[in-house]
């Protein structure tokens, strides 16, 4: 599994907003974190839709965190930015099983257990933890 650059930019954006501690414009975030303006807008749109960042219009507008870093899990960021976090397509859609055996497949049961462990671990990691690493 490899995370997309979009997720990396989202993480860096949140850390930047936290570090500066006040409302920032897209230009300020872009320059501080070396994220292309157009890409940053895409990232901020998704983060705003997920309720992770808040936006404010106008001359004094910009973006800020809606929550403390300790209240935002790494999992929250992943499910917001990645297309899927399922480790195998059969976990997203049972009909992809070529054997039509999703109910009895031992490999799928293994994947389900692994998926649960991975999700639990990633939900336990907060953005505050990442900031402090």
Protein backbone atom coordinates (compact mmCIF):
# COMPACT_ATOMS: atom_id res chain seq x y z
CA UNK A 1 0.00 0.00 0.00
CA UNK A 2 1.25 3.44 -0.87
CA UNK A 3 -0.52 6.65 0.10
CA UNK A 4 -1.07 9.34 -2.50
CA UNK A 5 0.63 12.72 -2.55
CA UNK A 6 -2.82 14.18 -1.82
CA UNK A 7 -2.75 12.55 1.61
CA UNK A 8 0.77 13.80 2.23
CA UNK A 9 -0.31 17.33 1.33
CA UNK A 10 -3.35 17.05 3.60
CA UNK A 11 -1.18 16.04 6.55
CA UNK A 12 1.28 18.85 5.90
CA UNK A 13 -1.59 21.34 5.53
CA UNK A 14 -3.06 20.38 8.90
CA UNK A 15 0.31 20.60 10.61
CA UNK A 16 0.89 24.02 9.05
CA UNK A 17 -2.51 25.31 10.20
CA UNK A 18 -1.79 24.06 13.70
CA UNK A 19 1.74 25.44 13.83
CA UNK A 20 0.74 28.93 12.76
CA UNK A 21 -2.20 28.86 15.17
CA UNK A 22 -4.35 31.29 13.21
CA UNK A 23 -6.30 31.56 10.00
CA UNK A 24 -4.10 31.18 6.93
CA UNK A 25 -4.66 31.96 3.28
CA UNK A 26 -4.01 29.41 0.58
CA UNK A 27 -0.96 31.43 -0.47
CA UNK A 28 0.50 31.26 3.05
CA UNK A 29 -0.06 27.50 3.29
CA UNK A 30 1.23 26.92 -0.22
CA UNK A 31 4.43 28.88 0.36
CA UNK A 32 5.10 27.45 3.82
CA UNK A 33 4.55 23.81 2.84
CA UNK A 34 5.67 23.94 -0.82
CA UNK A 35 2.33 22.69 -2.10
CA UNK A 36 1.21 23.87 -5.55
CA UNK A 37 -1.73 26.32 -5.29
CA UNK A 38 -4.11 24.33 -7.47
CA UNK A 39 -3.38 21.10 -5.67
CA UNK A 40 -3.80 22.79 -2.30
CA UNK A 41 -7.28 23.98 -3.26
CA UNK A 42 -8.25 20.38 -4.06
CA UNK A 43 -6.89 19.21 -0.69
CA UNK A 44 -8.61 21.99 1.24
CA UNK A 45 -11.93 21.32 -0.50
CA UNK A 46 -11.86 17.69 0.65
CA UNK A 47 -10.75 18.59 4.18
CA UNK A 48 -13.53 21.19 4.39
CA UNK A 49 -16.15 18.72 3.13
CA UNK A 50 -15.04 16.29 5.84
CA UNK A 51 -15.37 18.99 8.53
CA UNK A 52 -11.66 18.91 9.33
CA UNK A 53 -10.90 22.48 8.27
CA UNK A 54 -13.13 25.54 8.24
CA UNK A 55 -12.99 28.25 5.59
CA UNK A 56 -13.79 31.93 5.84
CA UNK A 57 -14.36 34.24 2.85
CA UNK A 58 -13.27 37.81 2.42
CA UNK A 59 -10.22 39.93 3.07
CA UNK A 60 -9.64 38.43 6.50
CA UNK A 61 -10.61 34.97 5.29
CA UNK A 62 -8.65 31.82 4.96
CA UNK A 63 -8.57 28.37 6.52
CA UNK A 64 -8.18 27.05 10.03
CA UNK A 65 -8.60 23.77 11.86
CA UNK A 66 -12.14 22.94 12.99
CA UNK A 67 -10.78 20.61 15.69
CA UNK A 68 -7.68 20.15 17.81
CA UNK A 69 -5.03 17.88 16.29
CA UNK A 70 -5.64 15.45 19.14
CA UNK A 71 -9.22 15.02 17.88
CA UNK A 72 -8.23 14.22 14.28
CA UNK A 73 -7.10 10.66 13.65
CA UNK A 74 -4.76 9.56 10.92
CA UNK A 75 -7.62 7.32 9.78
CA UNK A 76 -9.85 10.42 9.36
CA UNK A 77 -7.32 11.88 6.95
CA UNK A 78 -6.88 8.63 5.04
CA UNK A 79 -10.58 8.02 4.43
CA UNK A 80 -11.00 11.65 3.41
CA UNK A 81 -8.13 11.71 0.94
CA UNK A 82 -7.70 8.16 -0.37
CA UNK A 83 -10.09 6.50 -2.81
CA UNK A 84 -10.26 3.42 -0.60
CA UNK A 85 -8.55 2.11 2.47
CA UNK A 86 -9.57 -1.51 1.90
CA UNK A 87 -6.54 -3.76 1.55
CA UNK A 88 -8.23 -5.97 -1.06
CA UNK A 89 -11.02 -5.28 -3.57
CA UNK A 90 -13.14 -8.11 -2.15
CA UNK A 91 -13.54 -6.07 1.03
CA UNK A 92 -14.98 -3.15 -0.93
CA UNK A 93 -17.27 -5.27 -3.07
CA UNK A 94 -17.98 -8.96 -2.50
CA UNK A 95 -19.04 -9.42 -6.12
CA UNK A 96 -15.43 -9.12 -7.33
CA UNK A 97 -14.76 -12.61 -6.00
CA UNK A 98 -14.16 -14.79 -9.06
CA UNK A 99 -15.21 -17.86 -7.09
CA UNK A 100 -18.37 -16.27 -5.65
CA UNK A 101 -17.15 -17.58 -2.30
CA UNK A 102 -16.90 -14.43 -0.22
CA UNK A 103 -18.83 -16.06 2.66
CA UNK A 104 -16.57 -19.12 2.91
CA UNK A 105 -13.20 -17.86 1.67
CA UNK A 106 -10.41 -18.23 4.27
CA UNK A 107 -8.27 -15.64 2.46
CA UNK A 108 -11.08 -13.08 2.69
CA UNK A 109 -11.52 -13.83 6.40
CA UNK A 110 -7.78 -13.21 6.85
CA UNK A 111 -8.10 -9.91 4.95
CA UNK A 112 -11.10 -8.90 7.10
CA UNK A 113 -9.13 -9.49 10.29
CA UNK A 114 -6.11 -7.65 8.95
CA UNK A 115 -8.32 -4.78 7.78
CA UNK A 116 -9.84 -4.47 11.25
CA UNK A 117 -6.42 -4.44 12.92
CA UNK A 118 -5.09 -1.85 10.49
CA UNK A 119 -8.11 0.40 10.88
CA UNK A 120 -8.04 0.16 14.68
CA UNK A 121 -4.35 1.06 14.75
CA UNK A 122 -4.73 4.00 12.37
CA UNK A 123 -7.74 5.33 14.29
CA UNK A 124 -5.62 5.37 17.45
CA UNK A 125 -2.97 7.63 15.88
CA UNK A 126 -3.85 11.32 16.05
CA UNK A 127 -2.44 14.23 14.13
CA UNK A 128 -1.05 15.39 17.48
CA UNK A 129 0.94 12.13 17.65
CA UNK A 130 2.30 12.74 14.16
CA UNK A 131 3.23 16.34 15.03
CA UNK A 132 5.19 15.11 18.05
CA UNK A 133 7.18 12.43 16.20
